[in-house]
């Protein structure tokens, strides 16, 4: 049987025998946990002999679509594959276009980009941990993460105008400035939970944008202490994740792992530090790394990243200068000089890369997207081999894989 025939057989049959002691099972693609993604799992008893990821169920043709839209109108649709972290997926596209245009955004725009990117990093991680908790039988984790995520999404909406998919970044800056004041109703609602978490009242002029952002960061930093006690120091969570799905640093590099998966294996690589961009060189923060490379370390690295993100946001809002937020107002049909550029940014799930080529027109000639989730597929296959069936959910969710991002 050829490889093509075998693949077609896998696609068309849900269950079939592959030998006296083995069975091939289709895990997905309409699974309530994995979403539009399938694993073809070969099992013998309770042991996974092989796991073949089968992506592509939500492929949208983003790269080809980009060739038919202008440089500016590409921004909204390019962020759709990762609605939880739309800043992360559009960041390198904007950086690449700026390289081709030879423009640099104003300093205020650089800080606003960083604030938005870190807000969405935290919001994305909370979504990740919420679903992780559900599949480990920890419902409280789901409820807490989604509840606290609302304050960060509200702040994202305050800056960019939308809770998600805000199309806030553009070549040469950001679409609009941050407001000077937060709505009084929003501040009043938040003040109750701020008081519960910190034991303090919001200070004078709490509606001031800078003070409100700092208050949200203080609130969430305090909540992270509760998260540690409730989740990461919880015997249920530890027993399901410790020494499960171990990935060595050598294998992480060999398989092309990125993001928390790479750093949990002890490899200290982060595009914000190793290939700094915008305001990141001016900010002080740590890059969390693990030592064991198991499911627990991957979760803890993500947890520690959220605390570092609150530090970054607090510094950025304090250091952000006054001034313009864009080089100029672009028309929809800007023309970009001929050339090619590569840019990368550290999105919530890992390093996001873009290759962009221009022929001098008002549309890209080629846009190539290299998302972190797609690069985690070889890691997933490697980690599941030899594991128990019950360990598929904790391993899958420890990678923070997002099918729509991978398929793009």
Protein backbone atom coordinates (compact mmCIF):
# COMPACT_ATOMS: atom_id res chain seq x y z
CA UNK A 1 0.00 0.00 0.00
CA UNK A 2 1.41 3.38 -0.99
CA UNK A 3 1.70 6.31 1.40
CA UNK A 4 -1.11 8.13 -0.44
CA UNK A 5 -3.39 5.06 -0.24
CA UNK A 6 -2.64 4.66 3.46
CA UNK A 7 -3.41 8.33 4.13
CA UNK A 8 -6.71 8.03 2.26
CA UNK A 9 -7.55 4.94 4.27
CA UNK A 10 -6.86 6.82 7.50
CA UNK A 11 -9.05 9.72 6.38
CA UNK A 12 -12.05 7.60 5.41
CA UNK A 13 -12.12 5.01 8.21
CA UNK A 14 -12.70 5.86 11.85
CA UNK A 15 -11.70 2.48 13.31
CA UNK A 16 -9.94 -0.47 11.74
CA UNK A 17 -7.62 -3.26 12.77
CA UNK A 18 -3.91 -2.94 12.06
CA UNK A 19 -2.85 -6.24 13.51
CA UNK A 20 -3.68 -8.82 16.14
CA UNK A 21 -2.64 -6.64 19.06
CA UNK A 22 -3.10 -3.13 17.71
CA UNK A 23 -5.95 -0.84 16.80
CA UNK A 24 -5.99 2.45 14.93
CA UNK A 25 -8.35 5.04 16.39
CA UNK A 26 -9.36 8.42 15.04
CA UNK A 27 -9.11 11.00 17.82
CA UNK A 28 -11.16 13.83 16.33
CA UNK A 29 -11.67 15.82 14.11
CA UNK A 30 -14.91 16.84 15.82
CA UNK A 31 -13.57 16.12 19.28
CA UNK A 32 -14.86 18.60 21.90
CA UNK A 33 -11.34 19.16 23.17
CA UNK A 34 -9.07 19.16 20.14
CA UNK A 35 -11.46 21.13 17.95
CA UNK A 36 -11.01 20.83 14.19
CA UNK A 37 -7.97 18.61 14.40
CA UNK A 38 -7.39 14.88 14.34
CA UNK A 39 -4.87 12.49 15.76
CA UNK A 40 -4.70 9.04 14.20
CA UNK A 41 -3.64 6.99 17.20
CA UNK A 42 -2.35 3.42 16.99
CA UNK A 43 -2.87 1.71 20.35
CA UNK A 44 -2.11 -1.64 21.88
CA UNK A 45 -4.15 -2.04 25.01
CA UNK A 46 -3.64 1.20 26.93
CA UNK A 47 -0.38 2.15 25.20
CA UNK A 48 0.00 4.57 22.31
CA UNK A 49 2.25 2.94 19.72
CA UNK A 50 2.06 5.82 17.26
CA UNK A 51 0.22 9.13 16.98
CA UNK A 52 -0.02 10.86 13.61
CA UNK A 53 -1.29 14.46 13.67
CA UNK A 54 -3.67 15.17 10.79
CA UNK A 55 -4.10 18.97 10.48
CA UNK A 56 -5.75 20.99 7.72
CA UNK A 57 -9.44 20.85 8.62
CA UNK A 58 -9.65 24.64 9.00
CA UNK A 59 -7.22 25.71 6.28
CA UNK A 60 -8.35 29.11 4.96
CA UNK A 61 -5.70 29.87 2.37
CA UNK A 62 -4.48 32.94 4.25
CA UNK A 63 -1.21 33.14 2.34
CA UNK A 64 -2.86 33.04 -1.08
CA UNK A 65 -5.61 35.39 0.03
CA UNK A 66 -2.94 37.92 1.04
CA UNK A 67 -1.83 38.20 -2.59
CA UNK A 68 -5.24 39.57 -3.60
CA UNK A 69 -5.61 42.20 -0.89
CA UNK A 70 -3.74 45.43 -0.31
CA UNK A 71 -1.02 45.82 2.28
CA UNK A 72 -3.44 47.48 4.72
CA UNK A 73 -6.56 45.37 4.10
CA UNK A 74 -4.49 42.24 4.72
CA UNK A 75 -4.21 43.08 8.41
CA UNK A 76 -7.77 42.16 9.52
CA UNK A 77 -7.88 38.74 7.87
CA UNK A 78 -4.32 37.77 8.80
CA UNK A 79 -5.18 38.01 12.50
CA UNK A 80 -8.27 35.79 12.23
CA UNK A 81 -6.48 32.42 12.64
CA UNK A 82 -5.49 33.42 16.19
CA UNK A 83 -8.34 35.50 17.56
CA UNK A 84 -7.03 34.96 21.11
CA UNK A 85 -3.68 36.52 20.23
CA UNK A 86 -4.34 38.66 17.18
CA UNK A 87 -1.54 41.04 18.17
CA UNK A 88 0.96 38.19 18.14
CA UNK A 89 0.11 36.95 14.65
CA UNK A 90 -0.04 40.37 12.98
CA UNK A 91 3.05 41.82 14.73
CA UNK A 92 5.71 40.30 12.41
CA UNK A 93 3.66 41.11 9.30
CA UNK A 94 3.66 44.79 10.22
CA UNK A 95 7.37 44.67 11.12
CA UNK A 96 8.20 43.08 7.76
CA UNK A 97 6.21 45.69 5.80
CA UNK A 98 7.95 48.45 7.76
CA UNK A 99 11.32 46.98 6.74
CA UNK A 100 10.30 47.13 3.09
CA UNK A 101 8.98 50.68 3.44
CA UNK A 102 12.00 51.85 5.42
CA UNK A 103 9.87 53.43 8.14
CA UNK A 104 10.07 53.29 11.91
CA UNK A 105 7.03 53.90 14.12
CA UNK A 106 7.04 56.66 16.75
CA UNK A 107 8.18 55.72 20.25
CA UNK A 108 4.69 55.97 21.70
CA UNK A 109 3.40 53.52 19.11
CA UNK A 110 6.15 51.05 20.00
CA UNK A 111 5.07 51.03 23.65
CA UNK A 112 1.39 50.73 22.75
CA UNK A 113 2.20 47.72 20.58
CA UNK A 114 4.07 46.09 23.46
CA UNK A 115 1.21 46.74 25.88
CA UNK A 116 -1.32 45.23 23.49
CA UNK A 117 0.89 42.22 22.71
CA UNK A 118 1.45 41.43 26.39
CA UNK A 119 -2.22 41.87 27.29
CA UNK A 120 -3.13 39.35 24.64
CA UNK A 121 -0.34 37.02 25.72
CA UNK A 122 -1.87 36.86 29.19
CA UNK A 123 -5.42 36.52 27.84
CA UNK A 124 -4.31 33.71 25.53
CA UNK A 125 -2.51 31.89 28.36
CA UNK A 126 -5.61 32.16 30.55
CA UNK A 127 -7.70 30.60 27.79
CA UNK A 128 -5.10 27.85 27.50
CA UNK A 129 -5.13 27.09 31.24
CA UNK A 130 -8.93 27.23 31.39
CA UNK A 131 -9.27 24.43 28.85
CA UNK A 132 -6.29 22.59 30.32
CA UNK A 133 -8.11 22.55 33.66
CA UNK A 134 -11.29 21.11 32.15
CA UNK A 135 -9.41 18.15 30.69
CA UNK A 136 -7.63 17.48 33.97
CA UNK A 137 -10.89 17.55 35.93
CA UNK A 138 -10.19 20.94 37.54
CA UNK A 139 -13.33 23.00 36.89
CA UNK A 140 -12.23 25.81 39.23
CA UNK A 141 -9.28 26.45 36.95
CA UNK A 142 -11.68 26.96 34.05
CA UNK A 143 -13.91 29.37 35.96
CA UNK A 144 -11.12 31.46 37.48
CA UNK A 145 -9.22 31.86 34.23
CA UNK A 146 -12.23 32.96 32.22
CA UNK A 147 -13.39 35.29 34.98
CA UNK A 148 -10.06 37.09 35.36
CA UNK A 149 -9.51 37.16 31.61
CA UNK A 150 -12.43 39.58 31.26
CA UNK A 151 -10.52 42.47 32.87
CA UNK A 152 -7.64 42.04 30.44
CA UNK A 153 -9.96 41.76 27.44
CA UNK A 154 -11.78 44.90 28.64
CA UNK A 155 -8.44 46.71 28.66
CA UNK A 156 -7.67 45.44 25.17
CA UNK A 157 -11.03 46.78 24.01
CA UNK A 158 -10.33 50.11 25.69
CA UNK A 159 -7.12 50.54 23.69
CA UNK A 160 -7.94 48.92 20.36
CA UNK A 161 -11.71 49.21 20.20
CA UNK A 162 -12.41 45.47 20.13
CA UNK A 163 -12.14 42.63 22.63
CA UNK A 164 -10.42 40.45 20.01
CA UNK A 165 -9.26 40.86 16.39
CA UNK A 166 -8.72 44.58 16.78
CA UNK A 167 -6.51 45.21 13.70
CA UNK A 168 -4.66 47.68 15.91
CA UNK A 169 -1.18 47.49 14.41
CA UNK A 170 -0.41 49.05 11.04
CA UNK A 171 2.80 49.87 9.14
CA UNK A 172 4.30 52.96 10.74
CA UNK A 173 2.48 52.77 14.07
CA UNK A 174 -0.90 51.87 15.51
CA UNK A 175 -4.41 52.71 14.37
CA UNK A 176 -5.30 55.05 17.23
CA UNK A 177 -3.96 56.40 20.50
CA UNK A 178 -4.96 55.03 23.88
CA UNK A 179 -7.68 57.02 25.65
CA UNK A 180 -6.79 59.42 28.43
CA UNK A 181 -9.57 58.07 30.67
CA UNK A 182 -11.23 54.71 31.27
CA UNK A 183 -15.05 54.69 31.37
CA UNK A 184 -16.33 55.28 34.92
CA UNK A 185 -18.69 52.28 34.71
CA UNK A 186 -15.76 50.00 33.79
CA UNK A 187 -13.64 51.33 36.66
CA UNK A 188 -16.51 51.01 39.13
CA UNK A 189 -17.13 47.38 38.19
CA UNK A 190 -13.42 46.54 38.37
CA UNK A 191 -12.96 48.30 41.74
CA UNK A 192 -14.99 45.61 43.55
CA UNK A 193 -12.70 42.82 42.41
CA UNK A 194 -9.59 44.92 42.90
CA UNK A 195 -10.61 45.42 46.53
CA UNK A 196 -11.28 41.68 46.99
CA UNK A 197 -7.89 40.71 45.53
CA UNK A 198 -5.64 43.37 47.06
CA UNK A 199 -7.55 44.51 50.15
CA UNK A 200 -7.20 48.12 48.96
CA UNK A 201 -9.35 50.74 47.33
CA UNK A 202 -8.52 52.22 43.96
CA UNK A 203 -6.65 55.46 44.49
CA UNK A 204 -7.44 59.00 43.45
CA UNK A 205 -8.27 59.58 39.78
CA UNK A 206 -8.61 55.85 39.12
CA UNK A 207 -10.09 56.57 35.69
CA UNK A 208 -6.76 57.89 34.42
CA UNK A 209 -5.56 55.47 31.73
CA UNK A 210 -2.10 54.90 33.18
CA UNK A 211 -3.42 54.39 36.71
CA UNK A 212 -6.14 52.04 35.51
CA UNK A 213 -3.65 49.88 33.59
CA UNK A 214 -1.34 49.72 36.62
CA UNK A 215 -4.29 48.76 38.83
CA UNK A 216 -5.26 45.92 36.48
CA UNK A 217 -1.65 44.67 36.51
CA UNK A 218 -1.51 44.83 40.31
CA UNK A 219 -4.83 42.98 40.56
CA UNK A 220 -3.73 40.21 38.22
CA UNK A 221 -0.29 39.88 39.80
CA UNK A 222 -2.03 39.30 43.13
CA UNK A 223 -4.40 36.78 41.55
CA UNK A 224 -1.45 34.81 40.25
CA UNK A 225 -0.53 34.00 43.86
CA UNK A 226 -3.96 32.41 44.24
CA UNK A 227 -3.47 30.54 40.96
CA UNK A 228 -0.28 28.98 42.23
CA UNK A 229 -1.89 27.71 45.43
CA UNK A 230 -5.06 26.47 43.73
CA UNK A 231 -3.65 24.98 40.52
CA UNK A 232 0.08 24.54 40.23
CA UNK A 233 0.60 23.44 43.84
CA UNK A 234 -2.42 21.14 43.59
CA UNK A 235 -1.88 17.39 43.88
CA UNK A 236 -4.44 16.71 41.13
CA UNK A 237 -2.60 18.92 38.67
CA UNK A 238 0.84 17.66 39.69
CA UNK A 239 -0.09 13.97 39.48
CA UNK A 240 -1.47 14.37 35.94
CA UNK A 241 1.44 16.40 34.57
CA UNK A 242 4.68 15.66 36.45
CA UNK A 243 7.02 13.34 34.47
CA UNK A 244 4.42 13.06 31.70
CA UNK A 245 5.38 13.96 28.14
CA UNK A 246 9.05 14.64 28.87
CA UNK A 247 10.91 16.51 26.11
CA UNK A 248 14.68 16.84 26.43
CA UNK A 249 16.44 20.03 25.39
CA UNK A 250 18.19 18.18 22.56
CA UNK A 251 14.90 16.83 21.21
CA UNK A 252 13.25 20.23 21.60
CA UNK A 253 15.89 21.81 19.37
CA UNK A 254 15.97 18.89 16.93
CA UNK A 255 12.20 18.89 16.46
CA UNK A 256 11.95 22.66 16.11
CA UNK A 257 9.96 23.37 19.28
CA UNK A 258 9.09 26.98 20.06
CA UNK A 259 7.56 29.05 22.84
CA UNK A 260 6.83 27.59 26.27
CA UNK A 261 7.49 24.07 24.95
CA UNK A 262 11.07 24.98 24.01
CA UNK A 263 11.75 27.00 27.16
CA UNK A 264 10.30 24.34 29.47
CA UNK A 265 13.00 21.98 28.18
CA UNK A 266 15.68 24.37 29.39
CA UNK A 267 16.39 26.28 26.17
CA UNK A 268 16.38 30.01 26.92
CA UNK A 269 15.18 31.43 23.62
CA UNK A 270 12.66 34.25 23.25
CA UNK A 271 12.40 36.53 20.22
CA UNK A 272 11.73 39.52 22.48
CA UNK A 273 15.25 39.08 23.89
CA UNK A 274 17.21 37.22 21.20
CA UNK A 275 15.83 39.31 18.32
CA UNK A 276 14.44 42.38 20.11
CA UNK A 277 12.02 44.71 18.36
CA UNK A 278 10.07 47.89 19.10
CA UNK A 279 10.22 48.87 22.80
CA UNK A 280 11.35 45.51 24.21
CA UNK A 281 15.06 46.46 24.43
CA UNK A 282 14.09 49.24 26.87
CA UNK A 283 12.18 46.93 29.21
CA UNK A 284 13.49 44.63 31.92
CA UNK A 285 12.02 41.16 32.28
CA UNK A 286 13.07 37.56 32.74
CA UNK A 287 12.63 34.68 30.30
CA UNK A 288 11.25 31.76 32.35
CA UNK A 289 12.75 28.35 31.61
CA UNK A 290 12.13 24.87 32.96
CA UNK A 291 14.46 21.97 33.68
CA UNK A 292 12.47 18.74 33.26
CA UNK A 293 10.61 19.42 30.01
CA UNK A 294 7.44 17.66 31.15
CA UNK A 295 3.80 18.77 31.04
CA UNK A 296 4.13 20.39 34.46
CA UNK A 297 7.13 22.49 33.46
CA UNK A 298 5.41 23.64 30.28
CA UNK A 299 2.45 24.86 32.33
CA UNK A 300 4.64 26.53 34.96
CA UNK A 301 6.67 28.35 32.31
CA UNK A 302 3.41 29.70 30.89
CA UNK A 303 2.32 30.71 34.38
CA UNK A 304 5.57 32.57 35.04
CA UNK A 305 5.32 34.26 31.64
CA UNK A 306 2.04 35.84 32.71
CA UNK A 307 3.74 37.40 35.73
CA UNK A 308 6.54 38.72 33.54
CA UNK A 309 3.96 40.16 31.14
CA UNK A 310 2.38 42.18 33.96
CA UNK A 311 5.84 43.61 34.70
CA UNK A 312 6.34 44.49 31.04
CA UNK A 313 2.95 46.22 30.80
CA UNK A 314 3.55 48.18 34.01
CA UNK A 315 6.95 49.39 32.79
CA UNK A 316 5.63 50.22 29.34
CA UNK A 317 2.73 52.33 30.56
CA UNK A 318 5.07 54.23 32.91
CA UNK A 319 7.79 54.79 30.29
CA UNK A 320 5.51 55.50 27.33
CA UNK A 321 6.21 59.04 26.04
CA UNK A 322 3.69 61.48 24.66
CA UNK A 323 3.61 62.10 20.94
CA UNK A 324 2.15 60.74 17.69
CA UNK A 325 1.18 57.09 17.31
CA UNK A 326 1.77 56.73 13.57
CA UNK A 327 4.12 58.10 10.95
CA UNK A 328 1.18 59.23 8.83
CA UNK A 329 -2.33 58.20 7.89
CA UNK A 330 -1.97 55.57 5.18
CA UNK A 331 -4.43 55.26 2.32
CA UNK A 332 -5.75 51.74 1.76
CA UNK A 333 -3.76 51.33 -1.46
CA UNK A 334 -0.22 52.18 -0.34
CA UNK A 335 2.57 51.01 -2.64
CA UNK A 336 5.49 49.23 -1.02
CA UNK A 337 8.95 49.30 -2.66
CA UNK A 338 10.11 46.09 -4.33
CA UNK A 339 12.06 43.75 -2.11
CA UNK A 340 11.69 41.00 0.43
CA UNK A 341 11.82 40.93 4.22
CA UNK A 342 11.66 38.46 7.09
CA UNK A 343 10.39 39.43 10.53
CA UNK A 344 9.68 37.52 13.70
CA UNK A 345 7.89 38.20 16.96
CA UNK A 346 7.24 36.21 20.12
CA UNK A 347 3.53 35.41 20.02
CA UNK A 348 1.69 33.72 22.89
CA UNK A 349 2.41 30.21 21.56
CA UNK A 350 5.94 30.89 20.39
CA UNK A 351 7.90 32.55 17.64
CA UNK A 352 5.74 33.78 14.75
CA UNK A 353 7.62 34.42 11.50
CA UNK A 354 6.67 36.12 8.23
CA UNK A 355 8.37 36.26 4.87
CA UNK A 356 6.99 39.09 2.73
CA UNK A 357 7.91 39.90 -0.87
CA UNK A 358 6.89 42.99 -2.80
CA UNK A 359 7.10 43.70 -6.52
CA UNK A 360 6.49 47.39 -5.97
CA UNK A 361 2.70 47.29 -6.14
CA UNK A 362 -0.17 47.88 -3.78
CA UNK A 363 -0.44 44.16 -2.96
CA UNK A 364 2.10 41.61 -1.72
CA UNK A 365 3.60 39.25 -4.27
CA UNK A 366 4.09 36.60 -1.57
CA UNK A 367 3.30 36.27 2.12
CA UNK A 368 4.65 33.21 3.92
CA UNK A 369 3.50 32.55 7.50
CA UNK A 370 5.39 30.24 9.86
CA UNK A 371 3.17 29.88 12.94
CA UNK A 372 4.32 28.28 16.20
CA UNK A 373 1.49 25.73 16.38
CA UNK A 374 2.48 24.16 13.05
CA UNK A 375 6.03 23.70 14.33
CA UNK A 376 4.71 21.87 17.39
CA UNK A 377 3.23 18.99 15.36
CA UNK A 378 6.49 16.97 15.23
CA UNK A 379 6.83 17.52 18.98
CA UNK A 380 3.31 16.22 19.57
CA UNK A 381 4.00 13.07 17.56
CA UNK A 382 7.24 12.49 19.47
CA UNK A 383 5.75 12.99 22.93
CA UNK A 384 2.68 10.78 22.49
CA UNK A 385 4.62 7.73 21.33
CA UNK A 386 4.77 5.18 24.16
CA UNK A 387 2.41 7.07 26.48
CA UNK A 388 -0.85 5.84 27.99
CA UNK A 389 -4.11 6.82 26.30
CA UNK A 390 -5.11 8.75 29.43
CA UNK A 391 -2.06 10.99 28.98
CA UNK A 392 -3.09 12.24 25.54
CA UNK A 393 -5.15 15.19 26.91
CA UNK A 394 -2.50 16.54 29.33
CA UNK A 395 0.23 16.25 26.70
CA UNK A 396 -1.90 17.81 23.97
CA UNK A 397 -2.93 20.78 26.12
CA UNK A 398 0.55 21.27 27.59
CA UNK A 399 1.73 22.21 24.08
CA UNK A 400 -0.88 24.99 23.80
CA UNK A 401 -1.54 23.88 20.24
CA UNK A 402 -4.13 25.89 18.27
CA UNK A 403 -5.48 24.13 15.13
CA UNK A 404 -6.62 27.27 13.30
CA UNK A 405 -3.22 28.90 13.74
CA UNK A 406 -1.45 25.83 12.37
CA UNK A 407 -3.78 25.50 9.36
CA UNK A 408 -3.94 29.27 8.59
